[in-house]
């Protein structure tokens, strides 16, 4: 089963990356202007919309929840890249597509390694979880991240924002696996 998860995970993140790089071709790296709290708020908007649709059972805007989970994956990657580049003093500089691809793949590799370690310890528990429960966990991680950001990144005993972005990314990938992505469509970022 763990081998199956690795294959499904890879299939999902490759589809998310493909969309991300296509949007980078269209828009460039306009997202470089975003500060981490703004990215966290974008993830919040996506997760809140998913929860709202799950609770109401209907929606008025065409983009389905699958596209919102794809957006969560990609915004988490943006946050991880931004955090890394800002720490290196590379604030708001445009990036060529090849560098974006390299940075995206590096963050996905780190996050997938974390997922594999946790999956080993938790024994594929996510497979028994509901998409709604994972949505709630993503929202909880967002609220944690917002609190850490409001505390200027300082924590007493907790993991920092990076760990929360990685967990949100992994939960979004799990949801996409459960929803059968990439066989469906996803166009929202």
Protein backbone atom coordinates (compact mmCIF):
# COMPACT_ATOMS: atom_id res chain seq x y z
CA UNK A 1 0.00 0.00 0.00
CA UNK A 2 2.86 2.42 0.77
CA UNK A 3 4.22 1.91 -2.76
CA UNK A 4 0.76 2.71 -4.14
CA UNK A 5 0.65 5.91 -2.05
CA UNK A 6 4.02 7.01 -3.42
CA UNK A 7 2.78 6.52 -7.00
CA UNK A 8 -0.51 8.32 -6.34
CA UNK A 9 1.30 11.14 -4.56
CA UNK A 10 3.70 11.56 -7.48
CA UNK A 11 0.86 11.57 -10.01
CA UNK A 12 -1.01 14.28 -8.09
CA UNK A 13 1.98 16.57 -7.54
CA UNK A 14 3.07 16.23 -11.17
CA UNK A 15 -0.37 17.41 -12.29
CA UNK A 16 -0.29 20.29 -9.78
CA UNK A 17 3.19 21.26 -10.93
CA UNK A 18 2.19 21.13 -14.59
CA UNK A 19 -0.62 23.61 -13.94
CA UNK A 20 1.65 25.78 -11.79
CA UNK A 21 4.31 25.98 -14.50
CA UNK A 22 1.70 26.73 -17.18
CA UNK A 23 0.44 29.59 -15.05
CA UNK A 24 4.02 30.73 -14.56
CA UNK A 25 4.33 30.86 -18.36
CA UNK A 26 1.15 32.96 -18.52
CA UNK A 27 1.69 35.26 -15.51
CA UNK A 28 5.38 35.07 -14.71
CA UNK A 29 6.20 35.05 -11.02
CA UNK A 30 3.82 37.82 -9.96
CA UNK A 31 3.32 35.81 -6.74
CA UNK A 32 6.80 36.92 -5.63
CA UNK A 33 5.17 40.15 -4.39
CA UNK A 34 3.16 38.21 -1.78
CA UNK A 35 4.26 38.19 1.83
CA UNK A 36 3.80 34.95 3.78
CA UNK A 37 0.68 36.17 5.66
CA UNK A 38 -0.92 37.00 2.28
CA UNK A 39 -0.18 33.50 1.02
CA UNK A 40 -1.60 32.03 4.23
CA UNK A 41 -4.77 34.08 3.65
CA UNK A 42 -5.02 32.76 0.07
CA UNK A 43 -4.81 29.20 1.40
CA UNK A 44 -7.46 30.10 3.99
CA UNK A 45 -9.81 31.41 1.28
CA UNK A 46 -9.47 28.18 -0.69
CA UNK A 47 -9.95 25.92 2.35
CA UNK A 48 -12.90 27.97 3.61
CA UNK A 49 -14.59 27.70 0.20
CA UNK A 50 -14.10 23.93 0.22
CA UNK A 51 -15.64 23.68 3.69
CA UNK A 52 -18.53 25.92 2.70
CA UNK A 53 -19.31 23.75 -0.35
CA UNK A 54 -19.00 20.58 1.75
CA UNK A 55 -21.42 21.95 4.35
CA UNK A 56 -23.96 23.45 1.90
CA UNK A 57 -23.77 20.62 -0.62
CA UNK A 58 -24.06 23.16 -3.43
CA UNK A 59 -21.99 25.87 -5.06
CA UNK A 60 -22.64 28.88 -7.28
CA UNK A 61 -19.18 29.29 -8.81
CA UNK A 62 -18.17 26.62 -11.30
CA UNK A 63 -14.68 25.73 -9.96
CA UNK A 64 -15.02 22.49 -8.04
CA UNK A 65 -13.32 21.59 -4.76
CA UNK A 66 -10.68 19.59 -6.63
CA UNK A 67 -9.37 22.79 -8.20
CA UNK A 68 -9.31 24.41 -4.75
CA UNK A 69 -7.20 21.56 -3.33
CA UNK A 70 -4.82 21.97 -6.29
CA UNK A 71 -4.60 25.67 -5.42
CA UNK A 72 -3.81 24.80 -1.79
CA UNK A 73 -0.97 22.54 -2.94
CA UNK A 74 0.43 25.26 -5.18
CA UNK A 75 0.03 28.08 -2.66
CA UNK A 76 1.80 25.95 -0.05
CA UNK A 77 4.66 25.47 -2.50
CA UNK A 78 4.69 29.23 -3.16
CA UNK A 79 4.90 29.85 0.60
CA UNK A 80 7.77 27.40 1.02
CA UNK A 81 9.64 28.92 -1.92
CA UNK A 82 9.01 32.47 -0.70
CA UNK A 83 10.20 31.59 2.78
CA UNK A 84 13.39 30.09 1.35
CA UNK A 85 14.08 32.97 -1.05
CA UNK A 86 13.37 35.69 1.50
CA UNK A 87 15.77 34.01 3.94
CA UNK A 88 18.38 34.13 1.15
CA UNK A 89 17.67 37.84 0.54
CA UNK A 90 16.00 37.27 -2.85
CA UNK A 91 12.90 39.32 -2.22
CA UNK A 92 10.41 40.03 -5.02
CA UNK A 93 12.76 39.27 -7.89
CA UNK A 94 11.21 37.67 -10.96
CA UNK A 95 12.33 34.12 -11.61
CA UNK A 96 12.77 32.23 -14.88
CA UNK A 97 10.53 29.20 -15.39
CA UNK A 98 13.45 26.75 -15.12
CA UNK A 99 14.36 28.11 -11.68
CA UNK A 100 10.71 27.96 -10.59
CA UNK A 101 10.55 24.31 -11.71
CA UNK A 102 13.72 23.53 -9.75
CA UNK A 103 12.46 25.27 -6.59
CA UNK A 104 9.02 23.64 -6.90
CA UNK A 105 10.53 20.17 -7.26
CA UNK A 106 12.86 20.75 -4.29
CA UNK A 107 9.97 21.75 -2.00
CA UNK A 108 7.84 18.83 -3.20
CA UNK A 109 10.74 16.43 -2.58
CA UNK A 110 11.16 17.68 0.99
CA UNK A 111 7.42 17.55 1.63
CA UNK A 112 7.06 14.08 0.11
CA UNK A 113 9.92 12.82 2.29
CA UNK A 114 8.07 14.14 5.33
CA UNK A 115 4.88 12.45 4.12
CA UNK A 116 6.64 9.13 3.69
CA UNK A 117 8.13 9.32 7.20
CA UNK A 118 4.76 10.17 8.73
CA UNK A 119 2.99 7.55 6.62
CA UNK A 120 5.43 4.95 7.93
CA UNK A 121 4.63 5.89 11.52
CA UNK A 122 0.88 6.38 11.09
CA UNK A 123 0.34 3.37 8.82
CA UNK A 124 -1.74 4.93 6.03
CA UNK A 125 -4.28 6.31 8.53
CA UNK A 126 -5.20 9.08 6.07
CA UNK A 127 -6.87 6.48 3.83
CA UNK A 128 -9.55 5.97 6.50
CA UNK A 129 -10.12 9.70 6.93
CA UNK A 130 -12.87 11.67 5.25
CA UNK A 131 -12.03 14.53 2.87
CA UNK A 132 -14.13 16.74 5.17
CA UNK A 133 -11.92 15.85 8.15
CA UNK A 134 -8.76 16.64 6.21
CA UNK A 135 -10.32 19.96 5.16
CA UNK A 136 -10.84 20.75 8.83
CA UNK A 137 -7.23 19.82 9.58
CA UNK A 138 -6.02 22.13 6.82
CA UNK A 139 -8.10 24.94 8.32
CA UNK A 140 -6.67 24.20 11.77
CA UNK A 141 -3.13 24.35 10.35
CA UNK A 142 -4.01 27.69 8.72
CA UNK A 143 -5.18 29.11 12.05
CA UNK A 144 -1.99 27.85 13.70
CA UNK A 145 0.09 29.45 10.95
CA UNK A 146 -1.78 32.75 11.28
CA UNK A 147 -1.16 32.75 15.03
CA UNK A 148 2.56 32.07 14.54
CA UNK A 149 2.71 34.86 11.94
CA UNK A 150 0.91 37.20 14.35
CA UNK A 151 3.61 36.29 16.92
CA UNK A 152 6.33 37.38 14.45
CA UNK A 153 7.21 33.73 13.76
CA UNK A 154 8.06 33.01 17.38
CA UNK A 155 6.89 29.81 19.06
CA UNK A 156 7.57 28.43 22.52
CA UNK A 157 7.25 24.70 21.89
CA UNK A 158 5.53 24.36 18.51
CA UNK A 159 6.72 23.75 14.99
CA UNK A 160 7.01 26.83 12.83
CA UNK A 161 5.13 27.91 9.74
CA UNK A 162 7.19 25.70 7.40
CA UNK A 163 5.98 22.51 9.10
CA UNK A 164 2.38 23.73 8.89
CA UNK A 165 2.67 24.55 5.17
CA UNK A 166 4.11 21.07 4.55
CA UNK A 167 1.29 19.41 6.51
CA UNK A 168 -1.36 21.43 4.63
CA UNK A 169 0.25 20.48 1.33
CA UNK A 170 0.25 16.79 2.27
CA UNK A 171 -3.38 16.85 3.44
CA UNK A 172 -4.39 18.56 0.17
CA UNK A 173 -2.55 15.85 -1.81
CA UNK A 174 -4.33 13.15 0.20
CA UNK A 175 -7.67 14.81 -0.58
CA UNK A 176 -6.79 14.94 -4.27
CA UNK A 177 -5.87 11.24 -4.22
CA UNK A 178 -9.21 10.43 -2.58
CA UNK A 179 -11.04 12.61 -5.16
CA UNK A 180 -9.37 10.76 -8.05
CA UNK A 181 -7.27 13.68 -9.30
CA UNK A 182 -5.76 14.18 -11.88
CA UNK A 183 -8.45 12.39 -13.85
CA UNK A 184 -10.82 15.26 -13.04
CA UNK A 185 -10.10 18.85 -13.99
CA UNK A 186 -8.50 21.64 -12.01
CA UNK A 187 -8.08 25.13 -13.34
CA UNK A 188 -8.07 27.41 -10.30
CA UNK A 189 -4.88 28.64 -8.70
